[in-house]
C-alpha cells in the first residue's frame, strides 16, 4: 500500500508539472530608445570674404537733401571667438543720392571694425568706422572722411555664401571745410563669397 501511495504521489506531482507548462524561457524586452536632444549647428565665421552690395541712401547737405541708390563691392575678414565675432571690412560704392539740379553724393567708401554675436547661421553685429564721401554740389567736388556707425545681420546660407543687410548712419560737420554739414543714412543688402 505504501508503494501505491508513493507512486500515486509521484504521478500527481508529474501531472502538476505537466499542467504548469514546464520550463519557459524568460522574454527579454528591448531597451527603450532615448531621443537625443537636437543641437543647433553653429557656423564658424572665421575667414576672408568678398562680394557686392546694393542699397538706398538719404542725405542732407547744407540746405539741400537728396536720396537715391548705390552699389559696389566689399571685402573683409572675420574671426570667430566662439560666442563673439570680430573683424574688419572695407567697401566702395558708386552712388546717385541726388539733391536735384545735378547735385549729388556720387561715391563713397568705408573702413570699419565689426563686432557681433554668433547665433549659429546668423551673425548680429555692430560696426564703427570712417567713410570717404564725395559730393558734387554746384559743379564743385567736395571730399571728406567722416565718422560712420552701423547695425547689421548676416545669414550663412552654406559654407560658401552669406547674405546680409546693414543700416549705417554718417555725420560730417563742416564737410570738406564747406561750412555745411553732411548727414547720411544708408541701407544696403549684401551678398558675400566666403574663402
Protein backbone atom coordinates (compact mmCIF):
# COMPACT_ATOMS: atom_id res chain seq x y z
CA UNK A 1 0.00 0.00 0.00
CA UNK A 2 2.87 2.30 0.77
CA UNK A 3 4.25 1.74 -2.71
CA UNK A 4 0.96 2.64 -4.33
CA UNK A 5 0.73 5.84 -2.33
CA UNK A 6 4.31 6.86 -3.18
CA UNK A 7 3.74 6.01 -6.86
CA UNK A 8 0.41 7.91 -6.84
CA UNK A 9 2.08 10.93 -5.22
CA UNK A 10 4.84 10.86 -7.82
CA UNK A 11 2.31 10.71 -10.62
CA UNK A 12 0.31 13.57 -9.15
CA UNK A 13 3.49 15.64 -8.89
CA UNK A 14 4.42 14.89 -12.50
CA UNK A 15 0.90 15.67 -13.68
CA UNK A 16 1.04 19.04 -11.88
CA UNK A 17 4.34 19.92 -13.57
CA UNK A 18 2.89 18.95 -16.96
CA UNK A 19 -0.18 21.11 -16.29
CA UNK A 20 2.09 24.12 -15.42
CA UNK A 21 3.61 24.01 -18.92
CA UNK A 22 7.09 23.04 -17.95
CA UNK A 23 10.11 25.32 -18.35
CA UNK A 24 9.56 28.54 -20.31
CA UNK A 25 12.45 30.85 -21.31
CA UNK A 26 12.05 34.42 -19.99
CA UNK A 27 11.10 37.10 -22.55
CA UNK A 28 13.82 39.70 -22.98
CA UNK A 29 12.40 43.13 -23.87
CA UNK A 30 14.38 45.61 -25.97
CA UNK A 31 15.90 48.53 -24.10
CA UNK A 32 13.93 51.78 -24.51
CA UNK A 33 15.34 54.22 -27.09
CA UNK A 34 16.01 57.64 -25.62
CA UNK A 35 15.76 60.51 -28.12
CA UNK A 36 18.89 62.67 -28.20
CA UNK A 37 18.33 66.43 -27.98
CA UNK A 38 18.78 68.31 -31.25
CA UNK A 39 21.70 70.72 -31.05
CA UNK A 40 21.63 73.69 -33.40
CA UNK A 41 24.56 73.79 -35.77
CA UNK A 42 26.95 76.61 -35.03
CA UNK A 43 28.59 78.24 -38.01
CA UNK A 44 32.24 79.18 -37.93
CA UNK A 45 32.51 82.78 -39.17
CA UNK A 46 36.34 82.83 -39.31
CA UNK A 47 37.80 83.69 -42.71
CA UNK A 48 38.06 86.11 -45.61
CA UNK A 49 35.05 87.09 -47.69
CA UNK A 50 34.25 89.39 -50.64
CA UNK A 51 31.12 90.36 -52.51
CA UNK A 52 28.81 93.10 -53.62
CA UNK A 53 26.17 95.38 -52.16
CA UNK A 54 23.16 97.33 -53.40
CA UNK A 55 21.40 99.93 -51.36
CA UNK A 56 19.44 103.10 -50.89
CA UNK A 57 20.51 106.26 -49.09
CA UNK A 58 19.08 109.51 -47.83
CA UNK A 59 21.32 112.53 -47.23
CA UNK A 60 21.22 116.17 -46.18
CA UNK A 61 23.98 118.57 -47.24
CA UNK A 62 23.53 122.15 -46.16
CA UNK A 63 20.06 123.36 -47.16
CA UNK A 64 19.51 120.53 -49.68
CA UNK A 65 18.50 116.92 -49.25
CA UNK A 66 18.63 114.00 -51.61
CA UNK A 67 18.17 110.29 -51.88
CA UNK A 68 18.94 107.52 -54.32
CA UNK A 69 20.61 104.22 -54.99
CA UNK A 70 24.17 102.99 -54.66
CA UNK A 71 26.07 99.81 -55.39
CA UNK A 72 29.57 98.47 -55.12
CA UNK A 73 31.94 95.87 -53.76
CA UNK A 74 33.24 94.90 -50.32
CA UNK A 75 35.84 92.61 -48.71
CA UNK A 76 36.69 91.71 -45.15
CA UNK A 77 37.92 89.25 -42.58
CA UNK A 78 36.07 87.86 -39.54
CA UNK A 79 37.44 85.94 -36.57
CA UNK A 80 35.05 83.74 -34.57
CA UNK A 81 35.89 83.68 -30.86
CA UNK A 82 33.07 81.23 -30.04
CA UNK A 83 30.21 83.36 -28.76
CA UNK A 84 31.56 86.60 -30.22
CA UNK A 85 32.86 87.54 -33.68
CA UNK A 86 35.17 90.41 -34.54
CA UNK A 87 36.61 91.64 -37.81
CA UNK A 88 37.25 94.41 -40.31
CA UNK A 89 35.62 95.32 -43.64
CA UNK A 90 36.26 97.78 -46.49
CA UNK A 91 33.82 98.73 -49.24
CA UNK A 92 33.44 101.10 -52.17
CA UNK A 93 30.23 102.18 -53.92
CA UNK A 94 29.20 104.36 -56.82
CA UNK A 95 26.16 106.38 -55.77
CA UNK A 96 23.45 108.69 -57.05
CA UNK A 97 22.00 110.35 -53.97
CA UNK A 98 20.50 113.21 -55.96
CA UNK A 99 19.86 116.66 -54.41
CA UNK A 100 18.42 117.97 -57.70
CA UNK A 101 19.93 120.34 -60.30
CA UNK A 102 22.85 117.96 -60.85
CA UNK A 103 23.93 117.99 -57.19
CA UNK A 104 24.55 114.60 -55.60
CA UNK A 105 26.65 112.31 -53.47
CA UNK A 106 28.23 110.23 -56.22
CA UNK A 107 30.63 107.86 -54.46
CA UNK A 108 31.56 106.60 -51.02
CA UNK A 109 33.69 104.02 -49.27
CA UNK A 110 34.08 102.70 -45.74
CA UNK A 111 36.63 101.08 -43.50
CA UNK A 112 35.06 99.70 -40.35
CA UNK A 113 35.56 97.45 -37.37
CA UNK A 114 32.88 94.82 -36.78
CA UNK A 115 31.84 93.19 -33.51
CA UNK A 116 28.96 90.76 -33.23
CA UNK A 117 27.25 87.82 -31.57
CA UNK A 118 27.49 84.35 -33.15
CA UNK A 119 23.98 82.88 -33.44
CA UNK A 120 25.00 79.79 -35.44
CA UNK A 121 23.98 80.52 -39.03
CA UNK A 122 23.15 84.13 -38.05
CA UNK A 123 25.57 86.90 -37.12
CA UNK A 124 24.15 90.05 -35.50
CA UNK A 125 26.71 92.86 -35.41
CA UNK A 126 27.52 96.50 -34.94
CA UNK A 127 30.13 98.46 -36.87
CA UNK A 128 32.10 101.66 -36.35
CA UNK A 129 34.50 103.32 -38.71
CA UNK A 130 35.19 106.04 -41.22
CA UNK A 131 33.51 106.83 -44.52
CA UNK A 132 35.06 108.57 -47.51
CA UNK A 133 32.29 110.56 -49.24
CA UNK A 134 32.43 112.57 -52.48
CA UNK A 135 29.64 115.08 -53.20
CA UNK A 136 29.27 117.21 -56.32
CA UNK A 137 27.46 120.46 -55.44
CA UNK A 138 27.11 123.30 -57.95
CA UNK A 139 29.92 121.92 -60.06
CA UNK A 140 32.30 121.80 -57.09
CA UNK A 141 33.54 118.47 -55.79
CA UNK A 142 33.62 118.01 -52.03
CA UNK A 143 35.55 115.10 -50.47
CA UNK A 144 35.84 114.27 -46.82
CA UNK A 145 36.30 111.42 -44.36
CA UNK A 146 33.52 111.33 -41.77
CA UNK A 147 32.52 109.02 -38.88
CA UNK A 148 30.04 106.20 -39.52
CA UNK A 149 28.27 103.66 -37.30
CA UNK A 150 26.02 100.78 -38.26
CA UNK A 151 23.97 97.73 -37.33
CA UNK A 152 23.75 94.61 -39.46
CA UNK A 153 22.80 90.97 -39.75
CA UNK A 154 24.30 88.20 -41.88
CA UNK A 155 22.90 84.76 -42.67
CA UNK A 156 25.21 81.91 -43.70
CA UNK A 157 23.34 80.08 -46.49
CA UNK A 158 26.11 77.47 -46.72
CA UNK A 159 29.89 77.33 -46.32
CA UNK A 160 30.39 79.40 -49.48
CA UNK A 161 27.69 82.11 -49.45
CA UNK A 162 26.41 84.68 -46.96
CA UNK A 163 23.53 87.15 -47.36
CA UNK A 164 23.05 90.18 -45.16
CA UNK A 165 21.82 93.69 -44.61
CA UNK A 166 23.26 96.75 -42.92
CA UNK A 167 21.93 100.13 -41.78
CA UNK A 168 24.57 102.88 -41.42
CA UNK A 169 24.49 106.46 -40.14
CA UNK A 170 27.08 109.08 -41.21
CA UNK A 171 27.63 112.59 -39.85
CA UNK A 172 30.24 115.05 -41.09
CA UNK A 173 30.39 118.50 -39.52
CA UNK A 174 31.79 121.28 -41.74
CA UNK A 175 32.10 118.78 -44.60
CA UNK A 176 35.33 119.45 -46.55
CA UNK A 177 35.52 122.88 -44.84
CA UNK A 178 32.44 123.94 -46.80
CA UNK A 179 30.74 125.37 -43.74
CA UNK A 180 27.91 122.86 -44.29
CA UNK A 181 27.20 119.59 -42.51
CA UNK A 182 26.59 116.29 -44.31
CA UNK A 183 24.24 113.78 -42.68
CA UNK A 184 23.53 110.49 -44.45
CA UNK A 185 21.68 107.24 -43.69
CA UNK A 186 22.11 104.17 -45.90
CA UNK A 187 20.52 100.74 -46.03
CA UNK A 188 22.24 98.01 -48.06
CA UNK A 189 21.76 94.36 -48.97
CA UNK A 190 24.94 92.33 -49.28
CA UNK A 191 25.98 89.01 -50.82
CA UNK A 192 29.40 87.60 -49.97
CA UNK A 193 31.52 84.64 -51.05
CA UNK A 194 33.45 83.05 -48.16
CA UNK A 195 37.01 81.90 -48.90
